[in-house]
N, C-alpha and C. Protein backbone atom coordinates (compact mmCIF):
# COMPACT_ATOMS: atom_id res chain seq x y z
N MET A 1 117.28 133.57 138.04
CA MET A 1 115.99 133.81 137.45
C MET A 1 116.12 134.01 135.94
N THR A 2 117.15 134.73 135.51
CA THR A 2 117.35 134.97 134.09
C THR A 2 117.62 133.66 133.35
N VAL A 3 118.41 132.77 133.97
CA VAL A 3 118.71 131.48 133.36
C VAL A 3 117.43 130.67 133.20
N THR A 4 116.57 130.68 134.20
CA THR A 4 115.31 129.94 134.14
C THR A 4 114.44 130.47 133.00
N TYR A 5 114.40 131.78 132.85
CA TYR A 5 113.62 132.38 131.76
C TYR A 5 114.14 131.91 130.41
N TRP A 6 115.46 131.95 130.21
CA TRP A 6 116.03 131.55 128.93
C TRP A 6 115.84 130.06 128.67
N LEU A 7 115.93 129.24 129.69
CA LEU A 7 115.68 127.80 129.51
C LEU A 7 114.23 127.55 129.11
N ALA A 8 113.29 128.26 129.76
CA ALA A 8 111.88 128.10 129.41
C ALA A 8 111.62 128.58 127.98
N ALA A 9 112.24 129.67 127.60
CA ALA A 9 112.07 130.18 126.24
C ALA A 9 112.65 129.21 125.22
N ALA A 10 113.81 128.63 125.52
CA ALA A 10 114.43 127.65 124.61
C ALA A 10 113.56 126.42 124.47
N LEU A 11 113.00 125.95 125.56
CA LEU A 11 112.13 124.77 125.52
C LEU A 11 110.87 125.08 124.70
N ALA A 12 110.31 126.26 124.87
CA ALA A 12 109.13 126.65 124.10
C ALA A 12 109.44 126.67 122.60
N LEU A 13 110.61 127.18 122.23
CA LEU A 13 111.00 127.18 120.82
C LEU A 13 111.18 125.76 120.28
N LEU A 14 111.76 124.88 121.09
CA LEU A 14 111.92 123.49 120.68
C LEU A 14 110.57 122.83 120.42
N VAL A 15 109.63 123.06 121.31
CA VAL A 15 108.29 122.47 121.16
C VAL A 15 107.60 123.03 119.92
N LEU A 16 107.69 124.33 119.70
CA LEU A 16 107.08 124.93 118.51
C LEU A 16 107.70 124.38 117.23
N ALA A 17 109.01 124.25 117.22
CA ALA A 17 109.68 123.69 116.04
C ALA A 17 109.24 122.26 115.80
N ALA A 18 109.11 121.47 116.87
CA ALA A 18 108.66 120.08 116.73
C ALA A 18 107.25 120.01 116.16
N VAL A 19 106.37 120.87 116.63
CA VAL A 19 104.99 120.89 116.13
C VAL A 19 104.97 121.25 114.65
N PHE A 20 105.78 122.23 114.26
CA PHE A 20 105.85 122.63 112.86
C PHE A 20 106.37 121.49 111.98
N ILE A 21 107.45 120.85 112.41
CA ILE A 21 108.03 119.75 111.63
C ILE A 21 107.05 118.59 111.52
N ARG A 22 106.37 118.28 112.63
CA ARG A 22 105.40 117.18 112.61
C ARG A 22 104.24 117.48 111.65
N ALA A 23 103.74 118.71 111.66
CA ALA A 23 102.65 119.08 110.77
C ALA A 23 103.10 119.01 109.31
N LYS A 24 104.31 119.45 109.04
CA LYS A 24 104.85 119.40 107.69
C LYS A 24 104.99 117.96 107.21
N ARG A 25 105.51 117.11 108.06
CA ARG A 25 105.68 115.70 107.69
C ARG A 25 104.34 115.01 107.48
N LYS A 26 103.37 115.32 108.35
CA LYS A 26 102.05 114.71 108.23
C LYS A 26 101.40 115.10 106.90
N ALA A 27 101.54 116.36 106.54
CA ALA A 27 100.97 116.82 105.27
C ALA A 27 101.64 116.11 104.10
N ARG A 28 102.95 115.93 104.17
CA ARG A 28 103.67 115.24 103.10
C ARG A 28 103.26 113.77 103.02
N GLU A 29 103.13 113.11 104.18
CA GLU A 29 102.75 111.70 104.20
C GLU A 29 101.33 111.49 103.68
N GLU A 30 100.43 112.40 103.99
CA GLU A 30 99.06 112.28 103.48
C GLU A 30 99.03 112.39 101.97
N GLY A 31 99.95 113.19 101.43
CA GLY A 31 100.02 113.34 99.98
C GLY A 31 100.66 112.13 99.30
N GLN A 32 101.58 111.47 99.98
CA GLN A 32 102.31 110.37 99.38
C GLN A 32 101.83 109.00 99.85
N HIS A 33 101.03 108.94 100.91
CA HIS A 33 100.60 107.67 101.51
C HIS A 33 101.79 106.79 101.81
N SER A 34 102.86 107.40 102.35
CA SER A 34 104.07 106.63 102.64
C SER A 34 103.90 105.81 103.90
N ALA A 35 104.84 104.89 104.10
CA ALA A 35 104.80 104.02 105.28
C ALA A 35 105.03 104.85 106.53
N ALA A 36 104.43 104.41 107.63
CA ALA A 36 104.58 105.11 108.91
C ALA A 36 106.00 104.99 109.41
N PRO A 37 106.55 106.04 110.05
CA PRO A 37 107.90 105.96 110.59
C PRO A 37 107.94 105.00 111.77
N ARG A 38 109.14 104.51 112.06
CA ARG A 38 109.31 103.61 113.19
C ARG A 38 108.99 104.32 114.49
N MET A 39 108.34 103.62 115.40
CA MET A 39 108.07 104.17 116.71
C MET A 39 109.24 103.86 117.62
N PRO A 40 109.55 104.74 118.55
CA PRO A 40 110.64 104.45 119.47
C PRO A 40 110.28 103.26 120.35
N TYR A 41 111.26 102.38 120.60
CA TYR A 41 111.02 101.22 121.44
C TYR A 41 110.55 101.63 122.82
N ALA A 42 111.13 102.69 123.35
CA ALA A 42 110.82 103.09 124.72
C ALA A 42 109.37 103.52 124.87
N GLU A 43 108.71 103.89 123.79
CA GLU A 43 107.36 104.39 123.89
C GLU A 43 106.36 103.54 123.12
N SER A 44 106.81 102.50 122.43
CA SER A 44 105.89 101.68 121.65
C SER A 44 105.15 100.71 122.57
N ALA A 45 104.01 100.27 122.10
CA ALA A 45 103.18 99.38 122.92
C ALA A 45 103.82 98.01 123.06
N SER A 46 104.54 97.56 122.06
CA SER A 46 105.15 96.23 122.15
C SER A 46 106.65 96.35 122.06
N GLN A 47 107.34 95.56 122.85
CA GLN A 47 108.79 95.53 122.85
C GLN A 47 109.26 94.53 121.81
N PRO A 48 110.51 94.61 121.38
CA PRO A 48 111.02 93.63 120.45
C PRO A 48 110.91 92.24 121.06
N GLU A 49 110.68 91.23 120.21
CA GLU A 49 110.46 89.88 120.71
C GLU A 49 111.66 89.34 121.46
N ASP A 50 112.87 89.67 121.03
CA ASP A 50 114.04 89.03 121.60
C ASP A 50 114.89 89.98 122.42
N VAL A 51 114.28 90.77 123.29
CA VAL A 51 115.02 91.72 124.11
C VAL A 51 115.91 90.99 125.10
N SER A 52 115.63 89.74 125.42
CA SER A 52 116.45 89.00 126.37
C SER A 52 117.90 88.92 125.94
N ARG A 53 118.18 88.98 124.65
CA ARG A 53 119.56 88.92 124.18
C ARG A 53 120.35 90.13 124.67
N ALA A 54 119.68 91.24 124.89
CA ALA A 54 120.39 92.45 125.28
C ALA A 54 121.07 92.30 126.62
N SER A 55 120.55 91.44 127.50
CA SER A 55 121.16 91.29 128.80
C SER A 55 122.16 90.14 128.85
N SER A 56 122.27 89.35 127.79
CA SER A 56 123.22 88.26 127.79
C SER A 56 124.59 88.78 127.40
N PRO A 57 125.64 88.11 127.81
CA PRO A 57 126.99 88.54 127.44
C PRO A 57 127.16 88.54 125.93
N PRO A 58 127.98 89.46 125.41
CA PRO A 58 128.14 89.58 123.97
C PRO A 58 128.61 88.29 123.29
N ASN A 59 129.45 87.50 123.96
CA ASN A 59 129.97 86.31 123.31
C ASN A 59 128.92 85.21 123.20
N GLU A 60 127.78 85.34 123.85
CA GLU A 60 126.72 84.36 123.75
C GLU A 60 125.67 84.75 122.72
N ARG A 61 125.78 85.96 122.17
CA ARG A 61 124.81 86.39 121.16
C ARG A 61 125.09 85.67 119.85
N PRO A 62 124.03 85.24 119.16
CA PRO A 62 124.26 84.67 117.84
C PRO A 62 124.72 85.77 116.90
N VAL A 63 125.60 85.44 115.99
CA VAL A 63 126.09 86.41 115.03
C VAL A 63 125.00 86.64 114.00
N GLU A 64 124.65 87.92 113.82
CA GLU A 64 123.63 88.27 112.85
C GLU A 64 124.24 89.19 111.81
N LEU A 65 124.00 88.91 110.58
CA LEU A 65 124.45 89.78 109.52
C LEU A 65 123.36 90.79 109.23
N GLN A 66 123.69 92.05 109.38
CA GLN A 66 122.71 93.10 109.11
C GLN A 66 122.63 93.30 107.60
N PRO A 67 121.42 93.30 107.06
CA PRO A 67 121.30 93.57 105.63
C PRO A 67 121.75 95.00 105.34
N GLU A 68 122.30 95.19 104.16
CA GLU A 68 122.72 96.53 103.78
C GLU A 68 121.52 97.46 103.78
N ARG A 69 121.62 98.56 104.49
CA ARG A 69 120.51 99.50 104.59
C ARG A 69 120.56 100.50 103.44
N GLU A 70 119.39 100.90 103.02
CA GLU A 70 119.33 101.94 102.00
C GLU A 70 119.61 103.30 102.62
N THR A 71 119.12 103.50 103.86
CA THR A 71 119.36 104.76 104.56
C THR A 71 119.97 104.46 105.91
N PRO A 72 120.84 105.32 106.41
CA PRO A 72 121.47 105.08 107.71
C PRO A 72 120.44 105.09 108.84
N LEU A 73 120.70 104.27 109.84
CA LEU A 73 119.85 104.17 111.03
C LEU A 73 120.53 104.90 112.18
N VAL A 74 119.83 105.86 112.76
CA VAL A 74 120.35 106.69 113.84
C VAL A 74 119.58 106.37 115.11
N LEU A 75 120.31 106.12 116.19
CA LEU A 75 119.71 105.92 117.51
C LEU A 75 119.89 107.20 118.32
N ILE A 76 118.77 107.76 118.80
CA ILE A 76 118.80 108.97 119.63
C ILE A 76 118.49 108.55 121.06
N VAL A 77 119.40 108.86 121.98
CA VAL A 77 119.22 108.48 123.38
C VAL A 77 119.22 109.75 124.22
N ASP A 78 118.04 110.11 124.73
CA ASP A 78 117.89 111.29 125.57
C ASP A 78 116.61 111.13 126.37
N ASP A 79 116.65 111.51 127.65
CA ASP A 79 115.44 111.38 128.47
C ASP A 79 114.47 112.53 128.25
N GLY A 80 114.87 113.54 127.54
CA GLY A 80 113.98 114.67 127.23
C GLY A 80 113.13 114.36 126.01
N HIS A 81 111.84 114.13 126.23
CA HIS A 81 110.95 113.73 125.14
C HIS A 81 110.90 114.78 124.02
N ALA A 82 110.76 116.05 124.37
CA ALA A 82 110.62 117.10 123.36
C ALA A 82 111.88 117.19 122.50
N LEU A 83 113.05 117.15 123.11
CA LEU A 83 114.29 117.24 122.36
C LEU A 83 114.48 116.01 121.48
N ARG A 84 114.21 114.84 122.03
CA ARG A 84 114.34 113.59 121.28
C ARG A 84 113.42 113.60 120.05
N MET A 85 112.18 114.05 120.27
CA MET A 85 111.21 114.10 119.19
C MET A 85 111.64 115.11 118.12
N LEU A 86 112.15 116.24 118.54
CA LEU A 86 112.57 117.27 117.60
C LEU A 86 113.73 116.77 116.74
N ILE A 87 114.72 116.16 117.36
CA ILE A 87 115.86 115.63 116.61
C ILE A 87 115.40 114.53 115.66
N ALA A 88 114.53 113.65 116.14
CA ALA A 88 114.03 112.55 115.31
C ALA A 88 113.29 113.09 114.09
N GLU A 89 112.43 114.06 114.30
CA GLU A 89 111.67 114.65 113.19
C GLU A 89 112.61 115.27 112.16
N MET A 90 113.60 116.00 112.64
CA MET A 90 114.54 116.66 111.74
C MET A 90 115.31 115.62 110.91
N LEU A 91 115.80 114.56 111.58
CA LEU A 91 116.58 113.55 110.87
C LEU A 91 115.71 112.75 109.89
N GLN A 92 114.45 112.50 110.27
CA GLN A 92 113.55 111.81 109.35
C GLN A 92 113.28 112.68 108.12
N GLU A 93 113.17 113.99 108.33
CA GLU A 93 113.01 114.91 107.20
C GLU A 93 114.21 114.83 106.26
N GLU A 94 115.38 114.55 106.82
CA GLU A 94 116.61 114.44 106.02
C GLU A 94 116.74 113.06 105.37
N GLY A 95 115.82 112.14 105.68
CA GLY A 95 115.84 110.83 105.05
C GLY A 95 116.46 109.72 105.87
N TYR A 96 116.81 109.98 107.12
CA TYR A 96 117.39 108.94 107.98
C TYR A 96 116.28 108.11 108.61
N ASP A 97 116.58 106.84 108.89
CA ASP A 97 115.73 106.03 109.74
C ASP A 97 116.16 106.32 111.17
N VAL A 98 115.20 106.43 112.08
CA VAL A 98 115.49 106.85 113.44
C VAL A 98 114.86 105.91 114.46
N LEU A 99 115.63 105.57 115.48
CA LEU A 99 115.13 104.87 116.65
C LEU A 99 115.40 105.75 117.86
N GLU A 100 114.54 105.66 118.87
CA GLU A 100 114.68 106.50 120.06
C GLU A 100 114.71 105.65 121.31
N ALA A 101 115.45 106.14 122.31
CA ALA A 101 115.46 105.51 123.63
C ALA A 101 115.53 106.62 124.67
N CYS A 102 114.81 106.42 125.78
CA CYS A 102 114.81 107.44 126.83
C CYS A 102 115.58 106.98 128.07
N THR A 103 116.06 105.75 128.08
CA THR A 103 116.87 105.26 129.20
C THR A 103 118.11 104.55 128.65
N GLY A 104 119.09 104.40 129.50
CA GLY A 104 120.30 103.69 129.11
C GLY A 104 120.03 102.23 128.80
N LYS A 105 119.20 101.60 129.60
CA LYS A 105 118.87 100.19 129.40
C LYS A 105 118.23 99.97 128.03
N ASP A 106 117.28 100.84 127.67
CA ASP A 106 116.64 100.74 126.36
C ASP A 106 117.66 100.95 125.23
N ALA A 107 118.56 101.91 125.42
CA ALA A 107 119.57 102.21 124.40
C ALA A 107 120.47 101.01 124.15
N ILE A 108 120.87 100.34 125.21
CA ILE A 108 121.74 99.16 125.08
C ILE A 108 121.00 98.05 124.33
N ALA A 109 119.75 97.80 124.73
CA ALA A 109 118.96 96.75 124.08
C ALA A 109 118.76 97.05 122.59
N ILE A 110 118.41 98.28 122.27
CA ILE A 110 118.19 98.65 120.87
C ILE A 110 119.48 98.54 120.08
N SER A 111 120.58 98.98 120.67
CA SER A 111 121.86 98.91 119.99
C SER A 111 122.24 97.47 119.65
N LEU A 112 122.01 96.57 120.59
CA LEU A 112 122.34 95.16 120.35
C LEU A 112 121.42 94.53 119.31
N LEU A 113 120.16 94.92 119.30
CA LEU A 113 119.20 94.32 118.37
C LEU A 113 119.26 94.93 116.97
N GLU A 114 119.45 96.23 116.89
CA GLU A 114 119.31 96.94 115.62
C GLU A 114 120.63 97.34 114.98
N ASN A 115 121.73 97.37 115.75
CA ASN A 115 123.04 97.75 115.24
C ASN A 115 122.98 99.06 114.44
N PRO A 116 122.67 100.18 115.12
CA PRO A 116 122.53 101.46 114.40
C PRO A 116 123.83 101.89 113.74
N ASP A 117 123.69 102.74 112.74
CA ASP A 117 124.86 103.26 112.03
C ASP A 117 125.55 104.39 112.78
N CYS A 118 124.80 105.10 113.62
CA CYS A 118 125.38 106.09 114.52
C CYS A 118 124.43 106.34 115.68
N VAL A 119 125.00 106.90 116.77
CA VAL A 119 124.25 107.10 118.01
C VAL A 119 124.45 108.53 118.49
N LEU A 120 123.35 109.18 118.85
CA LEU A 120 123.39 110.47 119.55
C LEU A 120 123.05 110.15 121.00
N LEU A 121 123.99 110.34 121.92
CA LEU A 121 123.87 109.84 123.28
C LEU A 121 124.01 110.94 124.32
N ASP A 122 122.95 111.13 125.10
CA ASP A 122 122.99 112.09 126.21
C ASP A 122 123.84 111.50 127.33
N ILE A 123 124.57 112.35 128.01
CA ILE A 123 125.43 111.89 129.09
C ILE A 123 124.64 111.59 130.36
N ARG A 124 123.61 112.40 130.63
CA ARG A 124 122.83 112.21 131.86
C ARG A 124 121.48 111.58 131.54
N LEU A 125 121.34 110.33 131.95
CA LEU A 125 120.10 109.58 131.74
C LEU A 125 119.56 109.18 133.10
N PRO A 126 118.27 108.85 133.20
CA PRO A 126 117.68 108.57 134.51
C PRO A 126 118.19 107.30 135.19
N ASP A 127 118.59 106.30 134.41
CA ASP A 127 118.98 105.03 135.03
C ASP A 127 120.47 104.76 135.05
N MET A 128 121.25 105.43 134.21
CA MET A 128 122.69 105.24 134.18
C MET A 128 123.32 106.38 133.40
N SER A 129 124.62 106.51 133.48
CA SER A 129 125.28 107.59 132.75
C SER A 129 125.45 107.19 131.28
N GLY A 130 125.57 108.19 130.44
CA GLY A 130 125.81 107.92 129.03
C GLY A 130 127.14 107.22 128.80
N ILE A 131 128.12 107.47 129.67
CA ILE A 131 129.41 106.79 129.57
C ILE A 131 129.23 105.29 129.80
N ASP A 132 128.39 104.93 130.79
CA ASP A 132 128.12 103.50 131.03
C ASP A 132 127.40 102.88 129.84
N VAL A 133 126.50 103.62 129.23
CA VAL A 133 125.81 103.13 128.03
C VAL A 133 126.83 102.91 126.91
N LEU A 134 127.70 103.88 126.69
CA LEU A 134 128.73 103.76 125.66
C LEU A 134 129.61 102.54 125.92
N ARG A 135 129.97 102.32 127.17
CA ARG A 135 130.80 101.16 127.53
C ARG A 135 130.08 99.86 127.16
N GLU A 136 128.79 99.76 127.47
CA GLU A 136 128.03 98.55 127.17
C GLU A 136 127.83 98.36 125.67
N ILE A 137 127.64 99.46 124.95
CA ILE A 137 127.51 99.36 123.49
C ILE A 137 128.80 98.82 122.90
N ARG A 138 129.93 99.30 123.39
CA ARG A 138 131.23 98.82 122.88
C ARG A 138 131.47 97.36 123.27
N LYS A 139 131.03 96.95 124.46
CA LYS A 139 131.16 95.54 124.85
C LYS A 139 130.35 94.65 123.92
N GLY A 140 129.23 95.17 123.42
CA GLY A 140 128.37 94.43 122.51
C GLY A 140 128.93 94.39 121.10
N ASP A 141 130.19 94.78 120.92
CA ASP A 141 130.87 94.71 119.64
C ASP A 141 130.24 95.63 118.59
N ASN A 142 129.72 96.76 119.04
CA ASN A 142 129.17 97.74 118.12
C ASN A 142 130.15 98.91 118.05
N SER A 143 130.70 99.13 116.89
CA SER A 143 131.67 100.21 116.72
C SER A 143 131.05 101.43 116.05
N ALA A 144 129.73 101.55 116.12
CA ALA A 144 129.05 102.69 115.50
C ALA A 144 129.58 104.00 116.07
N PRO A 145 129.71 105.01 115.23
CA PRO A 145 130.13 106.32 115.73
C PRO A 145 129.10 106.87 116.73
N VAL A 146 129.61 107.53 117.77
CA VAL A 146 128.76 108.09 118.82
C VAL A 146 129.10 109.56 119.01
N ALA A 147 128.05 110.39 119.05
CA ALA A 147 128.20 111.79 119.44
C ALA A 147 127.55 111.95 120.80
N LEU A 148 128.30 112.51 121.73
CA LEU A 148 127.79 112.74 123.09
C LEU A 148 127.08 114.09 123.14
N MET A 149 125.93 114.11 123.81
CA MET A 149 125.17 115.35 123.98
C MET A 149 125.15 115.67 125.47
N THR A 150 125.59 116.88 125.82
CA THR A 150 125.61 117.23 127.23
C THR A 150 125.68 118.73 127.45
N ALA A 151 125.18 119.12 128.60
CA ALA A 151 125.37 120.49 129.07
C ALA A 151 126.38 120.49 130.22
N PHE A 152 126.85 119.30 130.60
CA PHE A 152 127.67 119.14 131.80
C PHE A 152 128.95 118.36 131.52
N ALA A 153 129.68 118.71 130.48
CA ALA A 153 130.92 118.00 130.17
C ALA A 153 132.00 118.39 131.17
N ASP A 154 132.75 117.38 131.64
CA ASP A 154 133.91 117.65 132.47
C ASP A 154 135.07 116.83 131.95
N ALA A 155 136.28 117.17 132.40
CA ALA A 155 137.49 116.55 131.88
C ALA A 155 137.53 115.04 132.12
N ASP A 156 137.12 114.58 133.31
CA ASP A 156 137.14 113.15 133.60
C ASP A 156 136.19 112.38 132.71
N MET A 157 135.01 112.92 132.51
CA MET A 157 134.02 112.28 131.65
C MET A 157 134.53 112.19 130.22
N LEU A 158 135.11 113.26 129.71
CA LEU A 158 135.62 113.25 128.35
C LEU A 158 136.80 112.29 128.19
N ALA A 159 137.64 112.21 129.22
CA ALA A 159 138.77 111.26 129.16
C ALA A 159 138.26 109.82 129.07
N GLU A 160 137.27 109.48 129.88
CA GLU A 160 136.70 108.13 129.83
C GLU A 160 136.03 107.87 128.49
N ALA A 161 135.31 108.85 127.97
CA ALA A 161 134.64 108.70 126.68
C ALA A 161 135.66 108.50 125.55
N ARG A 162 136.78 109.20 125.63
CA ARG A 162 137.82 109.04 124.60
C ARG A 162 138.37 107.62 124.61
N LYS A 163 138.53 107.05 125.80
CA LYS A 163 139.02 105.66 125.88
C LYS A 163 138.05 104.71 125.19
N LEU A 164 136.77 104.98 125.32
CA LEU A 164 135.74 104.11 124.74
C LEU A 164 135.50 104.41 123.26
N GLY A 165 135.84 105.59 122.83
CA GLY A 165 135.69 105.98 121.44
C GLY A 165 134.39 106.72 121.16
N PHE A 166 134.50 108.00 120.90
CA PHE A 166 133.34 108.78 120.45
C PHE A 166 133.82 109.74 119.36
N GLN A 167 132.90 110.17 118.53
CA GLN A 167 133.28 110.95 117.36
C GLN A 167 132.93 112.43 117.46
N GLY A 168 132.10 112.83 118.40
CA GLY A 168 131.74 114.23 118.48
C GLY A 168 131.13 114.58 119.82
N LEU A 169 131.16 115.85 120.14
CA LEU A 169 130.58 116.36 121.37
C LEU A 169 129.64 117.50 121.00
N LEU A 170 128.38 117.35 121.35
CA LEU A 170 127.37 118.38 121.11
C LEU A 170 127.02 119.01 122.44
N ASP A 171 127.43 120.25 122.63
CA ASP A 171 127.15 120.97 123.87
C ASP A 171 125.74 121.52 123.84
N LYS A 172 124.93 121.16 124.87
CA LYS A 172 123.57 121.68 125.00
C LYS A 172 123.62 123.06 125.63
N PRO A 173 122.76 123.94 125.24
CA PRO A 173 121.82 123.83 124.12
C PRO A 173 122.58 123.96 122.80
N PHE A 174 122.21 123.16 121.82
CA PHE A 174 122.90 123.17 120.54
C PHE A 174 121.95 123.57 119.43
N ASP A 175 122.55 124.00 118.35
CA ASP A 175 121.81 124.33 117.14
C ASP A 175 121.52 123.02 116.43
N LEU A 176 120.30 122.83 115.97
CA LEU A 176 119.94 121.59 115.29
C LEU A 176 120.74 121.38 114.01
N LEU A 177 121.23 122.44 113.41
CA LEU A 177 122.09 122.30 112.24
C LEU A 177 123.39 121.58 112.61
N HIS A 178 123.88 121.79 113.84
CA HIS A 178 125.08 121.09 114.29
C HIS A 178 124.80 119.60 114.45
N VAL A 179 123.61 119.27 114.93
CA VAL A 179 123.23 117.86 115.07
C VAL A 179 123.16 117.22 113.69
N LYS A 180 122.53 117.90 112.76
CA LYS A 180 122.41 117.39 111.39
C LYS A 180 123.79 117.15 110.79
N GLN A 181 124.70 118.11 110.97
CA GLN A 181 126.05 117.98 110.43
C GLN A 181 126.81 116.84 111.11
N ALA A 182 126.62 116.68 112.42
CA ALA A 182 127.29 115.59 113.14
C ALA A 182 126.84 114.24 112.60
N VAL A 183 125.56 114.09 112.35
CA VAL A 183 125.05 112.83 111.82
C VAL A 183 125.58 112.59 110.41
N ARG A 184 125.61 113.63 109.60
CA ARG A 184 126.19 113.48 108.25
C ARG A 184 127.64 113.04 108.33
N ASP A 185 128.40 113.70 109.22
CA ASP A 185 129.82 113.34 109.38
C ASP A 185 129.98 111.90 109.83
N MET A 186 129.17 111.49 110.82
CA MET A 186 129.33 110.14 111.37
C MET A 186 128.90 109.07 110.38
N THR A 187 127.88 109.33 109.61
CA THR A 187 127.45 108.32 108.64
C THR A 187 128.33 108.34 107.39
N GLY A 188 129.15 109.40 107.26
CA GLY A 188 130.08 109.47 106.14
C GLY A 188 131.49 109.08 106.51
N GLY A 189 131.73 108.77 107.78
CA GLY A 189 133.02 108.25 108.20
C GLY A 189 134.01 109.27 108.73
N ILE A 190 133.62 110.53 108.92
CA ILE A 190 134.56 111.51 109.46
C ILE A 190 134.73 111.26 110.94
N GLN A 191 135.94 111.25 111.44
CA GLN A 191 136.23 110.85 112.81
C GLN A 191 136.44 112.04 113.76
N HIS A 192 136.01 111.87 114.97
CA HIS A 192 136.24 112.72 116.15
C HIS A 192 136.36 114.21 115.85
N ARG A 193 135.26 114.89 115.89
CA ARG A 193 135.22 116.31 115.59
C ARG A 193 134.45 117.03 116.68
N GLU A 194 135.00 118.11 117.21
CA GLU A 194 134.29 118.93 118.18
C GLU A 194 133.27 119.76 117.41
N ILE A 195 132.03 119.72 117.85
CA ILE A 195 130.94 120.37 117.12
C ILE A 195 130.29 121.40 118.02
N GLY A 196 129.96 122.55 117.47
CA GLY A 196 129.21 123.54 118.24
C GLY A 196 130.06 124.55 118.78
């Protein structure tokens, strides 16, 4: 019962923080008339035109040169809408471009189409494990740094993730400052660091 109370309290704090960040960003955007942020593919009304490439083998994909980005692109993969939104808002406040996915399938498709600069990846997703997503991202020839987010890390899972290559582990519940630092480290090239 005590654990349930603390989880509910933590979720309430996350939602309140998200509302505050959203209101702050909206006020800033109204003052600057800036461009609207990208909508997550998983929740947008229209899907990318060429999603079919995501299911084709990597060697059949046409080679695309990604233009040099002014700001790093971060892919957040988590089935928890409130947490995903909170992390996205925080990273956008820091100046990052953000894409979101709530399923493993969406994460793989977005990774192949957008080639993010780093990925925050939940281990437990509704359609597949985060390890399977990481495996598919690596098959797609994407070497972007990945930080795993989990409340349920075990030795076998970490061993498999190490084989595939990941740069950080964020234990849930985590401090958002740790997430911010992990993204800074990954976009700056610092390798494999235990965070939190």
